[in-house]
Amino acid sequence: MQITRETDYAIRCVHYLSCRPDETLMVDRIAQGMHIPKTFLAKILQKLVRGGVVKSFRGARGGFRLDRRPEDITLLDVIEAIEGAVAMN
C-alpha cells in the first residue's frame, strides 16, 4: 500500500493537533507549523472532520481540534477519513 501525499499530510496534521490537545488551532497556524500548503490543508481538514477525527469550530475563536482523545485515534481512522474504506484482497 502506498500512502498518498494527502494521507501523509493528514497523519502529520493529526499528530500536530494531538501534541496540542487543549488548543483550537486555525488552518494558518497548522499549515505554518507543518509546512503544508494552506489551501491543501483546508481540504484535508474537512475530510478529517467528515471522518470524525477532527472537530471544527466557527467564529473569531474558531479553528480545529481533535474530536477524540489522541490515544483513541488510530492510523486506520486517519487513512479511511482521507482515502475511504480500506479493502484487503
N, C-alpha and C. Protein backbone atom coordinates (compact mmCIF):
# COMPACT_ATOMS: atom_id res chain seq x y z
N MET A 1 0.84 -1.19 0.00
CA MET A 1 0.00 0.00 0.00
C MET A 1 0.88 1.24 0.00
N GLN A 2 0.59 2.14 -0.89
CA GLN A 2 1.30 3.40 -0.92
C GLN A 2 0.43 4.48 -0.27
N ILE A 3 1.06 5.31 0.50
CA ILE A 3 0.37 6.41 1.16
C ILE A 3 0.49 7.64 0.27
N THR A 4 -0.63 8.27 -0.03
CA THR A 4 -0.61 9.47 -0.87
C THR A 4 -0.08 10.65 -0.06
N ARG A 5 0.28 11.69 -0.76
CA ARG A 5 0.75 12.91 -0.09
C ARG A 5 -0.37 13.46 0.80
N GLU A 6 -1.60 13.38 0.34
CA GLU A 6 -2.74 13.86 1.12
C GLU A 6 -2.86 13.10 2.44
N THR A 7 -2.72 11.79 2.39
CA THR A 7 -2.79 10.98 3.61
C THR A 7 -1.60 11.26 4.51
N ASP A 8 -0.43 11.42 3.94
CA ASP A 8 0.77 11.77 4.72
C ASP A 8 0.55 13.08 5.47
N TYR A 9 0.04 14.09 4.77
CA TYR A 9 -0.23 15.37 5.42
C TYR A 9 -1.30 15.22 6.50
N ALA A 10 -2.30 14.40 6.25
CA ALA A 10 -3.36 14.19 7.24
C ALA A 10 -2.79 13.56 8.51
N ILE A 11 -1.93 12.58 8.36
CA ILE A 11 -1.30 11.92 9.52
C ILE A 11 -0.47 12.94 10.29
N ARG A 12 0.31 13.73 9.57
CA ARG A 12 1.14 14.75 10.22
C ARG A 12 0.28 15.79 10.92
N CYS A 13 -0.84 16.16 10.32
CA CYS A 13 -1.75 17.14 10.91
C CYS A 13 -2.37 16.61 12.20
N VAL A 14 -2.82 15.36 12.18
CA VAL A 14 -3.40 14.75 13.38
C VAL A 14 -2.34 14.67 14.49
N HIS A 15 -1.14 14.35 14.13
CA HIS A 15 -0.04 14.32 15.12
C HIS A 15 0.17 15.72 15.71
N TYR A 16 0.19 16.73 14.86
CA TYR A 16 0.37 18.11 15.30
C TYR A 16 -0.73 18.50 16.29
N LEU A 17 -1.97 18.19 15.94
CA LEU A 17 -3.10 18.50 16.82
C LEU A 17 -3.04 17.69 18.12
N SER A 18 -2.56 16.46 18.04
CA SER A 18 -2.50 15.62 19.25
C SER A 18 -1.47 16.14 20.24
N CYS A 19 -0.49 16.88 19.76
CA CYS A 19 0.51 17.48 20.65
C CYS A 19 -0.02 18.74 21.32
N ARG A 20 -1.18 19.23 20.89
CA ARG A 20 -1.82 20.42 21.43
C ARG A 20 -3.29 20.14 21.71
N PRO A 21 -3.60 19.17 22.57
CA PRO A 21 -4.99 18.72 22.75
C PRO A 21 -5.93 19.76 23.34
N ASP A 22 -5.41 20.76 24.03
CA ASP A 22 -6.28 21.74 24.67
C ASP A 22 -6.44 23.02 23.86
N GLU A 23 -5.88 23.04 22.65
CA GLU A 23 -5.93 24.25 21.82
C GLU A 23 -6.83 24.04 20.61
N THR A 24 -7.50 25.09 20.21
CA THR A 24 -8.23 25.11 18.94
C THR A 24 -7.37 25.92 18.00
N LEU A 25 -6.90 25.28 16.92
CA LEU A 25 -5.92 25.91 16.05
C LEU A 25 -6.51 26.27 14.69
N MET A 26 -6.12 27.43 14.20
CA MET A 26 -6.53 27.89 12.88
C MET A 26 -5.72 27.16 11.81
N VAL A 27 -6.28 27.09 10.61
CA VAL A 27 -5.61 26.44 9.49
C VAL A 27 -4.23 27.07 9.25
N ASP A 28 -4.15 28.40 9.33
CA ASP A 28 -2.89 29.09 9.09
C ASP A 28 -1.78 28.57 10.00
N ARG A 29 -2.10 28.44 11.28
CA ARG A 29 -1.09 28.01 12.24
C ARG A 29 -0.65 26.57 11.99
N ILE A 30 -1.60 25.70 11.71
CA ILE A 30 -1.25 24.30 11.44
C ILE A 30 -0.41 24.21 10.18
N ALA A 31 -0.83 24.92 9.13
CA ALA A 31 -0.10 24.90 7.86
C ALA A 31 1.33 25.40 8.04
N GLN A 32 1.48 26.46 8.78
CA GLN A 32 2.81 27.02 9.02
C GLN A 32 3.65 26.06 9.86
N GLY A 33 3.06 25.50 10.90
CA GLY A 33 3.79 24.59 11.78
C GLY A 33 4.19 23.29 11.12
N MET A 34 3.39 22.84 10.16
CA MET A 34 3.65 21.56 9.49
C MET A 34 4.24 21.73 8.09
N HIS A 35 4.39 22.97 7.64
CA HIS A 35 4.93 23.26 6.30
C HIS A 35 4.10 22.57 5.22
N ILE A 36 2.79 22.77 5.32
CA ILE A 36 1.83 22.21 4.37
C ILE A 36 1.10 23.39 3.73
N PRO A 37 0.88 23.36 2.41
CA PRO A 37 0.12 24.45 1.78
C PRO A 37 -1.25 24.62 2.42
N LYS A 38 -1.59 25.86 2.75
CA LYS A 38 -2.82 26.16 3.49
C LYS A 38 -4.08 25.67 2.77
N THR A 39 -4.20 25.90 1.48
CA THR A 39 -5.41 25.51 0.75
C THR A 39 -5.57 23.98 0.72
N PHE A 40 -4.46 23.28 0.55
CA PHE A 40 -4.49 21.82 0.53
C PHE A 40 -4.86 21.30 1.92
N LEU A 41 -4.29 21.91 2.95
CA LEU A 41 -4.58 21.50 4.32
C LEU A 41 -6.05 21.72 4.67
N ALA A 42 -6.64 22.81 4.19
CA ALA A 42 -8.06 23.09 4.47
C ALA A 42 -8.94 21.96 3.93
N LYS A 43 -8.63 21.46 2.75
CA LYS A 43 -9.39 20.34 2.18
C LYS A 43 -9.19 19.06 2.99
N ILE A 44 -7.97 18.84 3.42
CA ILE A 44 -7.66 17.66 4.24
C ILE A 44 -8.42 17.72 5.56
N LEU A 45 -8.41 18.88 6.19
CA LEU A 45 -9.11 19.03 7.47
C LEU A 45 -10.60 18.79 7.33
N GLN A 46 -11.20 19.21 6.22
CA GLN A 46 -12.63 18.96 6.02
C GLN A 46 -12.91 17.46 5.90
N LYS A 47 -12.03 16.72 5.26
CA LYS A 47 -12.20 15.26 5.18
C LYS A 47 -12.05 14.64 6.57
N LEU A 48 -11.12 15.16 7.36
CA LEU A 48 -10.93 14.64 8.71
C LEU A 48 -12.14 14.96 9.59
N VAL A 49 -12.78 16.11 9.36
CA VAL A 49 -14.00 16.46 10.09
C VAL A 49 -15.11 15.48 9.71
N ARG A 50 -15.31 15.24 8.41
CA ARG A 50 -16.34 14.31 7.96
C ARG A 50 -16.07 12.90 8.46
N GLY A 51 -14.79 12.55 8.64
CA GLY A 51 -14.43 11.22 9.12
C GLY A 51 -14.49 11.08 10.63
N GLY A 52 -14.83 12.16 11.33
CA GLY A 52 -14.96 12.10 12.78
C GLY A 52 -13.65 12.11 13.55
N VAL A 53 -12.58 12.52 12.89
CA VAL A 53 -11.27 12.56 13.55
C VAL A 53 -11.02 13.94 14.15
N VAL A 54 -11.45 14.96 13.44
CA VAL A 54 -11.21 16.36 13.83
C VAL A 54 -12.56 17.06 13.96
N LYS A 55 -12.62 18.04 14.83
CA LYS A 55 -13.83 18.84 15.01
C LYS A 55 -13.51 20.27 14.61
N SER A 56 -14.44 20.92 13.93
CA SER A 56 -14.21 22.31 13.53
C SER A 56 -15.11 23.25 14.34
N PHE A 57 -14.61 24.45 14.55
CA PHE A 57 -15.33 25.48 15.29
C PHE A 57 -15.31 26.75 14.46
N ARG A 58 -16.46 27.41 14.36
CA ARG A 58 -16.58 28.64 13.60
C ARG A 58 -16.40 29.84 14.50
N GLY A 59 -16.20 30.99 13.86
CA GLY A 59 -16.15 32.24 14.61
C GLY A 59 -14.73 32.74 14.83
N ALA A 60 -14.67 33.84 15.59
CA ALA A 60 -13.39 34.51 15.84
C ALA A 60 -12.39 33.59 16.57
N ARG A 61 -12.89 32.74 17.43
CA ARG A 61 -12.02 31.82 18.16
C ARG A 61 -12.10 30.41 17.57
N GLY A 62 -12.51 30.36 16.33
CA GLY A 62 -12.69 29.07 15.67
C GLY A 62 -11.39 28.42 15.25
N GLY A 63 -11.52 27.26 14.69
CA GLY A 63 -10.36 26.51 14.25
C GLY A 63 -10.65 25.02 14.32
N PHE A 64 -9.61 24.25 14.56
CA PHE A 64 -9.74 22.80 14.56
C PHE A 64 -9.06 22.22 15.79
N ARG A 65 -9.62 21.09 16.23
CA ARG A 65 -9.01 20.30 17.29
C ARG A 65 -9.46 18.86 17.10
N LEU A 66 -8.80 17.94 17.76
CA LEU A 66 -9.18 16.54 17.64
C LEU A 66 -10.57 16.32 18.22
N ASP A 67 -11.32 15.43 17.62
CA ASP A 67 -12.67 15.13 18.08
C ASP A 67 -12.67 14.09 19.19
N ARG A 68 -11.56 13.38 19.32
CA ARG A 68 -11.41 12.35 20.36
C ARG A 68 -10.03 12.51 21.01
N ARG A 69 -9.83 11.79 22.07
CA ARG A 69 -8.51 11.78 22.71
C ARG A 69 -7.50 11.19 21.72
N PRO A 70 -6.27 11.67 21.70
CA PRO A 70 -5.27 11.16 20.75
C PRO A 70 -5.09 9.65 20.82
N GLU A 71 -5.15 9.08 22.01
CA GLU A 71 -4.94 7.64 22.15
C GLU A 71 -6.10 6.82 21.59
N ASP A 72 -7.23 7.48 21.31
CA ASP A 72 -8.39 6.80 20.76
C ASP A 72 -8.48 6.89 19.23
N ILE A 73 -7.51 7.56 18.62
CA ILE A 73 -7.48 7.72 17.16
C ILE A 73 -6.41 6.79 16.60
N THR A 74 -6.81 5.94 15.67
CA THR A 74 -5.86 5.02 15.06
C THR A 74 -5.40 5.55 13.70
N LEU A 75 -4.30 4.99 13.23
CA LEU A 75 -3.81 5.33 11.90
C LEU A 75 -4.86 4.97 10.86
N LEU A 76 -5.55 3.86 11.06
CA LEU A 76 -6.61 3.45 10.14
C LEU A 76 -7.73 4.48 10.09
N ASP A 77 -8.09 5.09 11.23
CA ASP A 77 -9.11 6.14 11.25
C ASP A 77 -8.73 7.28 10.32
N VAL A 78 -7.47 7.69 10.37
CA VAL A 78 -6.99 8.80 9.55
C VAL A 78 -6.97 8.41 8.08
N ILE A 79 -6.44 7.24 7.79
CA ILE A 79 -6.37 6.78 6.40
C ILE A 79 -7.76 6.66 5.79
N GLU A 80 -8.70 6.07 6.52
CA GLU A 80 -10.05 5.91 5.99
C GLU A 80 -10.77 7.25 5.84
N ALA A 81 -10.48 8.23 6.68
CA ALA A 81 -11.08 9.55 6.54
C ALA A 81 -10.63 10.21 5.24
N ILE A 82 -9.43 9.92 4.81
CA ILE A 82 -8.89 10.54 3.60
C ILE A 82 -9.14 9.68 2.36
N GLU A 83 -8.84 8.41 2.46
CA GLU A 83 -8.86 7.52 1.28
C GLU A 83 -10.18 6.76 1.10
N GLY A 84 -10.98 6.68 2.16
CA GLY A 84 -12.17 5.83 2.12
C GLY A 84 -11.85 4.49 2.76
N ALA A 85 -12.82 3.61 2.76
CA ALA A 85 -12.63 2.30 3.40
C ALA A 85 -11.50 1.52 2.72
N VAL A 86 -10.69 0.90 3.55
CA VAL A 86 -9.58 0.10 3.06
C VAL A 86 -10.07 -1.32 2.80
N ALA A 87 -9.84 -1.81 1.60
CA ALA A 87 -10.27 -3.17 1.25
C ALA A 87 -9.03 -4.05 1.07
N MET A 88 -9.03 -5.17 1.72
CA MET A 88 -7.92 -6.13 1.60
C MET A 88 -8.29 -7.22 0.61
N ASN A 89 -7.33 -7.66 -0.15
CA ASN A 89 -7.55 -8.77 -1.09
C ASN A 89 -7.12 -10.07 -0.45
